[in-house]
Amino acid sequence: MKIRVPSSIKKGEEFQVRALVVHPMEIISRDKAGKMIEKNYNFVHTVSAAFNGKEIMRGEMTQSISANPTISFPMVAAEPGKLVITFEDTTGAKHSGSVDIKF
């Protein structure tokens, strides 16, 4: 996962957070031979962001989102801390990344 924030962040000012997760977003699965297995969906359905342990954003995605989905959202930080973004897919796998927010 890649998370991008501006290189200079000012206390109390809004900035943009961007995150990308590497995920196939397949609405079908394939066996080892490459044959499709019907009705075995695998796509990211939930994304959340927490700053210093407190959830600040939650969203839902659908199977129509392309591979390697990205999200972008505004954020304001009143103090330095850790931003953790988590994507969860339909298999229950969680893909998380974090970035330190500094002034």
PDB file of N, CA and C in Angstrom:
ATOM      1  N   MET A   1       0.845  -1.171   0.000  1.00  0.00           N
ATOM      2  CA  MET A   1       0.000   0.000   0.000  1.00  0.00           C
ATOM      3  C   MET A   1       0.892   1.236   0.000  1.00  0.00           C
ATOM      4  N   LYS A   2       0.437   2.252  -0.715  1.00  0.00           N
ATOM      5  CA  LYS A   2       1.146   3.525  -0.739  1.00  0.00           C
ATOM      6  C   LYS A   2       0.216   4.601  -0.201  1.00  0.00           C
ATOM      7  N   ILE A   3       0.718   5.405   0.725  1.00  0.00           N
ATOM      8  CA  ILE A   3      -0.043   6.522   1.274  1.00  0.00           C
ATOM      9  C   ILE A   3       0.767   7.789   1.026  1.00  0.00           C
ATOM     10  N   ARG A   4       0.106   8.807   0.493  1.00  0.00           N
ATOM     11  CA  ARG A   4       0.792  10.070   0.216  1.00  0.00           C
ATOM     12  C   ARG A   4       0.097  11.209   0.941  1.00  0.00           C
ATOM     13  N   VAL A   5       0.919  12.014   1.604  1.00  0.00           N
ATOM     14  CA  VAL A   5       0.459  13.251   2.226  1.00  0.00           C
ATOM     15  C   VAL A   5       1.440  14.342   1.797  1.00  0.00           C
ATOM     16  N   PRO A   6       1.055  15.606   1.882  1.00  0.00           N
ATOM     17  CA  PRO A   6       1.980  16.673   1.508  1.00  0.00           C
ATOM     18  C   PRO A   6       3.247  16.648   2.364  1.00  0.00           C
ATOM     19  N   SER A   7       4.344  17.129   1.802  1.00  0.00           N
ATOM     20  CA  SER A   7       5.612  17.141   2.541  1.00  0.00           C
ATOM     21  C   SER A   7       5.609  18.176   3.657  1.00  0.00           C
ATOM     22  N   SER A   8       4.829  19.234   3.510  1.00  0.00           N
ATOM     23  CA  SER A   8       4.723  20.207   4.602  1.00  0.00           C
ATOM     24  C   SER A   8       3.256  20.337   4.996  1.00  0.00           C
ATOM     25  N   ILE A   9       2.981  19.981   6.229  1.00  0.00           N
ATOM     26  CA  ILE A   9       1.627  20.030   6.775  1.00  0.00           C
ATOM     27  C   ILE A   9       1.638  21.031   7.912  1.00  0.00           C
ATOM     28  N   LYS A  10       0.624  21.890   7.946  1.00  0.00           N
ATOM     29  CA  LYS A  10       0.530  22.885   9.012  1.00  0.00           C
ATOM     30  C   LYS A  10      -0.585  22.498   9.976  1.00  0.00           C
ATOM     31  N   LYS A  11      -0.305  22.669  11.243  1.00  0.00           N
ATOM     32  CA  LYS A  11      -1.267  22.353  12.295  1.00  0.00           C
ATOM     33  C   LYS A  11      -2.584  23.091  12.040  1.00  0.00           C
ATOM     34  N   GLY A  12      -3.691  22.338  12.059  1.00  0.00           N
ATOM     35  CA  GLY A  12      -5.015  22.923  11.912  1.00  0.00           C
ATOM     36  C   GLY A  12      -5.438  23.251  10.494  1.00  0.00           C
ATOM     37  N   GLU A  13      -4.566  23.034   9.502  1.00  0.00           N
ATOM     38  CA  GLU A  13      -4.924  23.318   8.113  1.00  0.00           C
ATOM     39  C   GLU A  13      -5.275  22.033   7.368  1.00  0.00           C
ATOM     40  N   GLU A  14      -6.262  22.128   6.489  1.00  0.00           N
ATOM     41  CA  GLU A  14      -6.700  20.960   5.720  1.00  0.00           C
ATOM     42  C   GLU A  14      -5.649  20.564   4.685  1.00  0.00           C
ATOM     43  N   PHE A  15      -5.460  19.257   4.538  1.00  0.00           N
ATOM     44  CA  PHE A  15      -4.576  18.723   3.507  1.00  0.00           C
ATOM     45  C   PHE A  15      -5.222  17.474   2.921  1.00  0.00           C
ATOM     46  N   GLN A  16      -4.703  17.037   1.785  1.00  0.00           N
ATOM     47  CA  GLN A  16      -5.278  15.892   1.073  1.00  0.00           C
ATOM     48  C   GLN A  16      -4.449  14.633   1.338  1.00  0.00           C
ATOM     49  N   VAL A  17      -5.126  13.539   1.663  1.00  0.00           N
ATOM     50  CA  VAL A  17      -4.499  12.227   1.845  1.00  0.00           C
ATOM     51  C   VAL A  17      -4.874  11.383   0.633  1.00  0.00           C
ATOM     52  N   ARG A  18      -3.888  10.688   0.056  1.00  0.00           N
ATOM     53  CA  ARG A  18      -4.150   9.780  -1.065  1.00  0.00           C
ATOM     54  C   ARG A  18      -3.556   8.420  -0.729  1.00  0.00           C
ATOM     55  N   ALA A  19      -4.298   7.367  -1.027  1.00  0.00           N
ATOM     56  CA  ALA A  19      -3.821   6.010  -0.744  1.00  0.00           C
ATOM     57  C   ALA A  19      -4.149   5.090  -1.911  1.00  0.00           C
ATOM     58  N   LEU A  20      -3.237   4.166  -2.176  1.00  0.00           N
ATOM     59  CA  LEU A  20      -3.409   3.169  -3.226  1.00  0.00           C
ATOM     60  C   LEU A  20      -3.136   1.803  -2.621  1.00  0.00           C
ATOM     61  N   VAL A  21      -3.998   0.834  -2.903  1.00  0.00           N
ATOM     62  CA  VAL A  21      -3.760  -0.541  -2.470  1.00  0.00           C
ATOM     63  C   VAL A  21      -3.645  -1.410  -3.720  1.00  0.00           C
ATOM     64  N   VAL A  22      -2.630  -2.271  -3.734  1.00  0.00           N
ATOM     65  CA  VAL A  22      -2.458  -3.199  -4.854  1.00  0.00           C
ATOM     66  C   VAL A  22      -3.387  -4.382  -4.612  1.00  0.00           C
ATOM     67  N   HIS A  23      -4.414  -4.489  -5.449  1.00  0.00           N
ATOM     68  CA  HIS A  23      -5.433  -5.530  -5.284  1.00  0.00           C
ATOM     69  C   HIS A  23      -6.068  -5.790  -6.647  1.00  0.00           C
ATOM     70  N   PRO A  24      -6.286  -7.056  -7.019  1.00  0.00           N
ATOM     71  CA  PRO A  24      -6.826  -7.352  -8.354  1.00  0.00           C
ATOM     72  C   PRO A  24      -8.277  -6.928  -8.558  1.00  0.00           C
ATOM     73  N   MET A  25      -9.046  -6.799  -7.473  1.00  0.00           N
ATOM     74  CA  MET A  25     -10.462  -6.433  -7.566  1.00  0.00           C
ATOM     75  C   MET A  25     -11.204  -7.342  -8.534  1.00  0.00           C
ATOM     76  N   GLU A  26     -10.949  -8.650  -8.450  1.00  0.00           N
ATOM     77  CA  GLU A  26     -11.607  -9.610  -9.338  1.00  0.00           C
ATOM     78  C   GLU A  26     -13.006  -9.925  -8.838  1.00  0.00           C
ATOM     79  N   ILE A  27     -13.924  -9.991  -9.773  1.00  0.00           N
ATOM     80  CA  ILE A  27     -15.270 -10.428  -9.409  1.00  0.00           C
ATOM     81  C   ILE A  27     -15.418 -11.921  -9.661  1.00  0.00           C
ATOM     82  N   ILE A  28     -14.337 -12.526 -10.125  1.00  0.00           N
ATOM     83  CA  ILE A  28     -14.269 -13.982 -10.263  1.00  0.00           C
ATOM     84  C   ILE A  28     -12.902 -14.406  -9.746  1.00  0.00           C
ATOM     85  N   SER A  29     -12.762 -15.671  -9.449  1.00  0.00           N
ATOM     86  CA  SER A  29     -11.465 -16.209  -9.048  1.00  0.00           C
ATOM     87  C   SER A  29     -11.036 -17.243 -10.064  1.00  0.00           C
ATOM     88  N   ARG A  30      -9.765 -17.546 -10.040  1.00  0.00           N
ATOM     89  CA  ARG A  30      -9.223 -18.546 -10.958  1.00  0.00           C
ATOM     90  C   ARG A  30      -8.492 -19.616 -10.151  1.00  0.00           C
ATOM     91  N   ASP A  31      -8.546 -20.862 -10.649  1.00  0.00           N
ATOM     92  CA  ASP A  31      -7.783 -21.920  -9.999  1.00  0.00           C
ATOM     93  C   ASP A  31      -6.337 -21.849 -10.496  1.00  0.00           C
ATOM     94  N   LYS A  32      -5.494 -22.766 -10.044  1.00  0.00           N
ATOM     95  CA  LYS A  32      -4.072 -22.733 -10.400  1.00  0.00           C
ATOM     96  C   LYS A  32      -3.823 -22.878 -11.895  1.00  0.00           C
ATOM     97  N   ALA A  33      -4.755 -23.497 -12.602  1.00  0.00           N
ATOM     98  CA  ALA A  33      -4.625 -23.662 -14.053  1.00  0.00           C
ATOM     99  C   ALA A  33      -5.140 -22.437 -14.816  1.00  0.00           C
ATOM    100  N   GLY A  34      -5.693 -21.468 -14.098  1.00  0.00           N
ATOM    101  CA  GLY A  34      -6.208 -20.270 -14.744  1.00  0.00           C
ATOM    102  C   GLY A  34      -7.677 -20.338 -15.101  1.00  0.00           C
ATOM    103  N   LYS A  35      -8.328 -21.461 -14.767  1.00  0.00           N
ATOM    104  CA  LYS A  35      -9.748 -21.624 -15.060  1.00  0.00           C
ATOM    105  C   LYS A  35     -10.581 -20.823 -14.051  1.00  0.00           C
ATOM    106  N   MET A  36     -11.617 -20.140 -14.549  1.00  0.00           N
ATOM    107  CA  MET A  36     -12.457 -19.333 -13.669  1.00  0.00           C
ATOM    108  C   MET A  36     -13.294 -20.200 -12.735  1.00  0.00           C
ATOM    109  N   ILE A  37     -13.389 -19.766 -11.491  1.00  0.00           N
ATOM    110  CA  ILE A  37     -14.261 -20.387 -10.498  1.00  0.00           C
ATOM    111  C   ILE A  37     -15.407 -19.401 -10.309  1.00  0.00           C
ATOM    112  N   GLU A  38     -16.581 -19.780 -10.698  1.00  0.00           N
ATOM    113  CA  GLU A  38     -17.725 -18.867 -10.675  1.00  0.00           C
ATOM    114  C   GLU A  38     -18.151 -18.494  -9.254  1.00  0.00           C
ATOM    115  N   LYS A  39     -18.682 -17.286  -9.132  1.00  0.00           N
ATOM    116  CA  LYS A  39     -19.278 -16.762  -7.901  1.00  0.00           C
ATOM    117  C   LYS A  39     -18.356 -16.818  -6.694  1.00  0.00           C
ATOM    118  N   ASN A  40     -17.093 -16.564  -6.916  1.00  0.00           N
ATOM    119  CA  ASN A  40     -16.146 -16.472  -5.814  1.00  0.00           C
ATOM    120  C   ASN A  40     -15.510 -15.088  -5.902  1.00  0.00           C
ATOM    121  N   TYR A  41     -16.220 -14.101  -5.437  1.00  0.00           N
ATOM    122  CA  TYR A  41     -15.819 -12.714  -5.596  1.00  0.00           C
ATOM    123  C   TYR A  41     -14.667 -12.342  -4.664  1.00  0.00           C
ATOM    124  N   ASN A  42     -13.765 -11.490  -5.148  1.00  0.00           N
ATOM    125  CA  ASN A  42     -12.657 -10.987  -4.344  1.00  0.00           C
ATOM    126  C   ASN A  42     -12.419  -9.533  -4.718  1.00  0.00           C
ATOM    127  N   PHE A  43     -13.007  -8.651  -3.929  1.00  0.00           N
ATOM    128  CA  PHE A  43     -12.789  -7.227  -4.161  1.00  0.00           C
ATOM    129  C   PHE A  43     -12.781  -6.492  -2.826  1.00  0.00           C
ATOM    130  N   VAL A  44     -12.131  -5.349  -2.800  1.00  0.00           N
ATOM    131  CA  VAL A  44     -12.106  -4.515  -1.604  1.00  0.00           C
ATOM    132  C   VAL A  44     -13.504  -3.945  -1.413  1.00  0.00           C
ATOM    133  N   HIS A  45     -14.048  -4.107  -0.205  1.00  0.00           N
ATOM    134  CA  HIS A  45     -15.395  -3.590   0.039  1.00  0.00           C
ATOM    135  C   HIS A  45     -15.431  -2.504   1.100  1.00  0.00           C
ATOM    136  N   THR A  46     -14.406  -2.420   1.943  1.00  0.00           N
ATOM    137  CA  THR A  46     -14.401  -1.417   3.000  1.00  0.00           C
ATOM    138  C   THR A  46     -13.031  -0.767   3.098  1.00  0.00           C
ATOM    139  N   VAL A  47     -13.026   0.525   3.311  1.00  0.00           N
ATOM    140  CA  VAL A  47     -11.790   1.255   3.569  1.00  0.00           C
ATOM    141  C   VAL A  47     -12.031   2.143   4.785  1.00  0.00           C
ATOM    142  N   SER A  48     -11.042   2.202   5.669  1.00  0.00           N
ATOM    143  CA  SER A  48     -11.165   3.061   6.843  1.00  0.00           C
ATOM    144  C   SER A  48      -9.833   3.736   7.122  1.00  0.00           C
ATOM    145  N   ALA A  49      -9.914   4.870   7.798  1.00  0.00           N
ATOM    146  CA  ALA A  49      -8.712   5.600   8.197  1.00  0.00           C
ATOM    147  C   ALA A  49      -8.849   5.967   9.664  1.00  0.00           C
ATOM    148  N   ALA A  50      -7.763   5.793  10.403  1.00  0.00           N
ATOM    149  CA  ALA A  50      -7.738   6.150  11.822  1.00  0.00           C
ATOM    150  C   ALA A  50      -6.515   7.022  12.076  1.00  0.00           C
ATOM    151  N   PHE A  51      -6.716   8.071  12.860  1.00  0.00           N
ATOM    152  CA  PHE A  51      -5.617   8.953  13.234  1.00  0.00           C
ATOM    153  C   PHE A  51      -5.454   8.882  14.743  1.00  0.00           C
ATOM    154  N   ASN A  52      -4.271   8.486  15.167  1.00  0.00           N
ATOM    155  CA  ASN A  52      -3.981   8.285  16.594  1.00  0.00           C
ATOM    156  C   ASN A  52      -5.014   7.373  17.253  1.00  0.00           C
ATOM    157  N   GLY A  53      -5.411   6.322  16.530  1.00  0.00           N
ATOM    158  CA  GLY A  53      -6.321   5.318  17.071  1.00  0.00           C
ATOM    159  C   GLY A  53      -7.799   5.645  16.959  1.00  0.00           C
ATOM    160  N   LYS A  54      -8.147   6.837  16.482  1.00  0.00           N
ATOM    161  CA  LYS A  54      -9.555   7.231  16.367  1.00  0.00           C
ATOM    162  C   LYS A  54      -9.965   7.221  14.894  1.00  0.00           C
ATOM    163  N   GLU A  55     -11.043   6.495  14.590  1.00  0.00           N
ATOM    164  CA  GLU A  55     -11.506   6.427  13.206  1.00  0.00           C
ATOM    165  C   GLU A  55     -11.973   7.801  12.732  1.00  0.00           C
ATOM    166  N   ILE A  56     -11.435   8.225  11.571  1.00  0.00           N
ATOM    167  CA  ILE A  56     -11.801   9.530  11.019  1.00  0.00           C
ATOM    168  C   ILE A  56     -12.528   9.412   9.685  1.00  0.00           C
ATOM    169  N   MET A  57     -12.490   8.215   9.067  1.00  0.00           N
ATOM    170  CA  MET A  57     -13.135   8.030   7.771  1.00  0.00           C
ATOM    171  C   MET A  57     -13.425   6.554   7.562  1.00  0.00           C
ATOM    172  N   ARG A  58     -14.591   6.272   6.979  1.00  0.00           N
ATOM    173  CA  ARG A  58     -14.957   4.901   6.596  1.00  0.00           C
ATOM    174  C   ARG A  58     -15.771   4.992   5.313  1.00  0.00           C
ATOM    175  N   GLY A  59     -15.476   4.093   4.386  1.00  0.00           N
ATOM    176  CA  GLY A  59     -16.205   4.080   3.128  1.00  0.00           C
ATOM    177  C   GLY A  59     -16.389   2.668   2.620  1.00  0.00           C
ATOM    178  N   GLU A  60     -17.319   2.511   1.700  1.00  0.00           N
ATOM    179  CA  GLU A  60     -17.574   1.208   1.095  1.00  0.00           C
ATOM    180  C   GLU A  60     -17.361   1.296  -0.407  1.00  0.00           C
ATOM    181  N   MET A  61     -16.835   0.222  -0.976  1.00  0.00           N
ATOM    182  CA  MET A  61     -16.601   0.135  -2.413  1.00  0.00           C
ATOM    183  C   MET A  61     -17.444  -0.998  -2.968  1.00  0.00           C
ATOM    184  N   THR A  62     -17.570  -1.015  -4.291  1.00  0.00           N
ATOM    185  CA  THR A  62     -18.301  -2.087  -4.948  1.00  0.00           C
ATOM    186  C   THR A  62     -17.368  -2.837  -5.877  1.00  0.00           C
ATOM    187  N   GLN A  63     -17.855  -3.925  -6.425  1.00  0.00           N
ATOM    188  CA  GLN A  63     -17.032  -4.744  -7.311  1.00  0.00           C
ATOM    189  C   GLN A  63     -16.733  -4.061  -8.636  1.00  0.00           C
ATOM    190  N   SER A  64     -17.366  -2.952  -8.923  1.00  0.00           N
ATOM    191  CA  SER A  64     -17.127  -2.285 -10.204  1.00  0.00           C
ATOM    192  C   SER A  64     -15.916  -1.352 -10.184  1.00  0.00           C
ATOM    193  N   ILE A  65     -15.238  -1.245  -9.058  1.00  0.00           N
ATOM    194  CA  ILE A  65     -14.025  -0.427  -8.959  1.00  0.00           C
ATOM    195  C   ILE A  65     -12.888  -1.168  -9.665  1.00  0.00           C
ATOM    196  N   SER A  66     -12.017  -0.439 -10.354  1.00  0.00           N
ATOM    197  CA  SER A  66     -10.920  -1.067 -11.101  1.00  0.00           C
ATOM    198  C   SER A  66      -9.847  -1.631 -10.172  1.00  0.00           C
ATOM    199  N   ALA A  67      -8.955  -2.418 -10.745  1.00  0.00           N
ATOM    200  CA  ALA A  67      -7.838  -2.991  -9.986  1.00  0.00           C
ATOM    201  C   ALA A  67      -7.000  -1.871  -9.377  1.00  0.00           C
ATOM    202  N   ASN A  68      -6.351  -2.183  -8.266  1.00  0.00           N
ATOM    203  CA  ASN A  68      -5.475  -1.242  -7.561  1.00  0.00           C
ATOM    204  C   ASN A  68      -6.198   0.070  -7.238  1.00  0.00           C
ATOM    205  N   PRO A  69      -7.260  -0.012  -6.432  1.00  0.00           N
ATOM    206  CA  PRO A  69      -8.056   1.183  -6.160  1.00  0.00           C
ATOM    207  C   PRO A  69      -7.297   2.235  -5.354  1.00  0.00           C
ATOM    208  N   THR A  70      -7.652   3.482  -5.619  1.00  0.00           N
ATOM    209  CA  THR A  70      -7.102   4.602  -4.865  1.00  0.00           C
ATOM    210  C   THR A  70      -8.241   5.350  -4.195  1.00  0.00           C
ATOM    211  N   ILE A  71      -7.916   5.984  -3.097  1.00  0.00           N
ATOM    212  CA  ILE A  71      -8.876   6.850  -2.422  1.00  0.00           C
ATOM    213  C   ILE A  71      -8.181   8.165  -2.129  1.00  0.00           C
ATOM    214  N   SER A  72      -8.974   9.181  -1.918  1.00  0.00           N
ATOM    215  CA  SER A  72      -8.464  10.496  -1.571  1.00  0.00           C
ATOM    216  C   SER A  72      -9.480  11.140  -0.645  1.00  0.00           C
ATOM    217  N   PHE A  73      -8.998  11.774   0.417  1.00  0.00           N
ATOM    218  CA  PHE A  73      -9.909  12.448   1.326  1.00  0.00           C
ATOM    219  C   PHE A  73      -9.185  13.593   2.027  1.00  0.00           C
ATOM    220  N   PRO A  74      -9.933  14.634   2.434  1.00  0.00           N
ATOM    221  CA  PRO A  74      -9.325  15.743   3.160  1.00  0.00           C
ATOM    222  C   PRO A  74      -9.162  15.389   4.633  1.00  0.00           C
ATOM    223  N   MET A  75      -8.180  16.001   5.257  1.00  0.00           N
ATOM    224  CA  MET A  75      -7.924  15.745   6.675  1.00  0.00           C
ATOM    225  C   MET A  75      -7.362  17.007   7.308  1.00  0.00           C
ATOM    226  N   VAL A  76      -7.660  17.205   8.583  1.00  0.00           N
ATOM    227  CA  VAL A  76      -7.084  18.281   9.385  1.00  0.00           C
ATOM    228  C   VAL A  76      -6.494  17.630  10.619  1.00  0.00           C
ATOM    229  N   ALA A  77      -5.242  17.966  10.932  1.00  0.00           N
ATOM    230  CA  ALA A  77      -4.586  17.416  12.124  1.00  0.00           C
ATOM    231  C   ALA A  77      -4.278  18.550  13.092  1.00  0.00           C
ATOM    232  N   ALA A  78      -4.724  18.401  14.331  1.00  0.00           N
ATOM    233  CA  ALA A  78      -4.443  19.390  15.367  1.00  0.00           C
ATOM    234  C   ALA A  78      -3.189  19.034  16.146  1.00  0.00           C
ATOM    235  N   GLU A  79      -2.699  17.798  15.926  1.00  0.00           N
ATOM    236  CA  GLU A  79      -1.493  17.339  16.619  1.00  0.00           C
ATOM    237  C   GLU A  79      -0.786  16.321  15.736  1.00  0.00           C
ATOM    238  N   PRO A  80       0.506  16.118  15.958  1.00  0.00           N
ATOM    239  CA  PRO A  80       1.205  15.081  15.198  1.00  0.00           C
ATOM    240  C   PRO A  80       0.672  13.703  15.580  1.00  0.00           C
ATOM    241  N   GLY A  81       0.858  12.727  14.716  1.00  0.00           N
ATOM    242  CA  GLY A  81       0.413  11.381  15.047  1.00  0.00           C
ATOM    243  C   GLY A  81       0.530  10.435  13.880  1.00  0.00           C
ATOM    244  N   LYS A  82      -0.052   9.257  14.059  1.00  0.00           N
ATOM    245  CA  LYS A  82       0.013   8.207  13.048  1.00  0.00           C
ATOM    246  C   LYS A  82      -1.342   8.043  12.380  1.00  0.00           C
ATOM    247  N   LEU A  83      -1.320   8.081  11.046  1.00  0.00           N
ATOM    248  CA  LEU A  83      -2.508   7.833  10.235  1.00  0.00           C
ATOM    249  C   LEU A  83      -2.409   6.412   9.696  1.00  0.00           C
ATOM    250  N   VAL A  84      -3.420   5.594   9.973  1.00  0.00           N
ATOM    251  CA  VAL A  84      -3.459   4.210   9.500  1.00  0.00           C
ATOM    252  C   VAL A  84      -4.666   4.056   8.581  1.00  0.00           C
ATOM    253  N   ILE A  85      -4.418   3.542   7.378  1.00  0.00           N
ATOM    254  CA  ILE A  85      -5.491   3.290   6.419  1.00  0.00           C
ATOM    255  C   ILE A  85      -5.568   1.788   6.185  1.00  0.00           C
ATOM    256  N   THR A  86      -6.788   1.250   6.233  1.00  0.00           N
ATOM    257  CA  THR A  86      -6.999  -0.188   6.074  1.00  0.00           C
ATOM    258  C   THR A  86      -8.058  -0.449   5.011  1.00  0.00           C
ATOM    259  N   PHE A  87      -7.716  -1.306   4.066  1.00  0.00           N
ATOM    260  CA  PHE A  87      -8.647  -1.797   3.059  1.00  0.00           C
ATOM    261  C   PHE A  87      -8.966  -3.242   3.432  1.00  0.00           C
ATOM    262  N   GLU A  88     -10.249  -3.640   3.405  1.00  0.00           N
ATOM    263  CA  GLU A  88     -10.634  -5.031   3.676  1.00  0.00           C
ATOM    264  C   GLU A  88     -11.364  -5.583   2.464  1.00  0.00           C
ATOM    265  N   ASP A  89     -10.982  -6.820   2.064  1.00  0.00           N
ATOM    266  CA  ASP A  89     -11.639  -7.412   0.895  1.00  0.00           C
ATOM    267  C   ASP A  89     -12.642  -8.479   1.305  1.00  0.00           C
ATOM    268  N   THR A  90     -13.322  -9.033   0.318  1.00  0.00           N
ATOM    269  CA  THR A  90     -14.402  -9.983   0.575  1.00  0.00           C
ATOM    270  C   THR A  90     -13.923 -11.328   1.099  1.00  0.00           C
ATOM    271  N   THR A  91     -12.616 -11.589   1.056  1.00  0.00           N
ATOM    272  CA  THR A  91     -12.091 -12.825   1.635  1.00  0.00           C
ATOM    273  C   THR A  91     -11.749 -12.635   3.110  1.00  0.00           C
ATOM    274  N   GLY A  92     -11.872 -11.390   3.600  1.00  0.00           N
ATOM    275  CA  GLY A  92     -11.528 -11.078   4.980  1.00  0.00           C
ATOM    276  C   GLY A  92     -10.102 -10.578   5.147  1.00  0.00           C
ATOM    277  N   ALA A  93      -9.332 -10.572   4.062  1.00  0.00           N
ATOM    278  CA  ALA A  93      -7.947 -10.085   4.131  1.00  0.00           C
ATOM    279  C   ALA A  93      -7.946  -8.572   4.329  1.00  0.00           C
ATOM    280  N   LYS A  94      -7.032  -8.112   5.181  1.00  0.00           N
ATOM    281  CA  LYS A  94      -6.889  -6.678   5.427  1.00  0.00           C
ATOM    282  C   LYS A  94      -5.530  -6.222   4.927  1.00  0.00           C
ATOM    283  N   HIS A  95      -5.530  -5.094   4.247  1.00  0.00           N
ATOM    284  CA  HIS A  95      -4.317  -4.491   3.711  1.00  0.00           C
ATOM    285  C   HIS A  95      -4.191  -3.128   4.379  1.00  0.00           C
ATOM    286  N   SER A  96      -3.162  -2.949   5.213  1.00  0.00           N
ATOM    287  CA  SER A  96      -3.011  -1.707   5.965  1.00  0.00           C
ATOM    288  C   SER A  96      -1.678  -1.046   5.683  1.00  0.00           C
ATOM    289  N   GLY A  97      -1.679   0.254   5.856  1.00  0.00           N
ATOM    290  CA  GLY A  97      -0.462   1.036   5.752  1.00  0.00           C
ATOM    291  C   GLY A  97      -0.577   2.218   6.687  1.00  0.00           C
ATOM    292  N   SER A  98       0.552   2.817   7.020  1.00  0.00           N
ATOM    293  CA  SER A  98       0.520   3.961   7.925  1.00  0.00           C
ATOM    294  C   SER A  98       1.537   5.007   7.496  1.00  0.00           C
ATOM    295  N   VAL A  99       1.302   6.209   7.961  1.00  0.00           N
ATOM    296  CA  VAL A  99       2.212   7.323   7.713  1.00  0.00           C
ATOM    297  C   VAL A  99       2.174   8.225   8.946  1.00  0.00           C
ATOM    298  N   ASP A 100       3.330   8.773   9.295  1.00  0.00           N
ATOM    299  CA  ASP A 100       3.399   9.709  10.416  1.00  0.00           C
ATOM    300  C   ASP A 100       3.076  11.109   9.915  1.00  0.00           C
ATOM    301  N   ILE A 101       2.194  11.790  10.623  1.00  0.00           N
ATOM    302  CA  ILE A 101       1.846  13.170  10.311  1.00  0.00           C
ATOM    303  C   ILE A 101       2.674  14.054  11.236  1.00  0.00           C
ATOM    304  N   LYS A 102       3.495  14.911  10.623  1.00  0.00           N
ATOM    305  CA  LYS A 102       4.384  15.793  11.391  1.00  0.00           C
ATOM    306  C   LYS A 102       4.181  17.225  10.937  1.00  0.00           C
ATOM    307  N   PHE A 103       4.476  18.153  11.826  1.00  0.00           N
ATOM    308  CA  PHE A 103       4.399  19.582  11.481  1.00  0.00           C
ATOM    309  C   PHE A 103       5.798  20.133  11.341  1.00  0.00           C
TER     310      PHE A 103
END
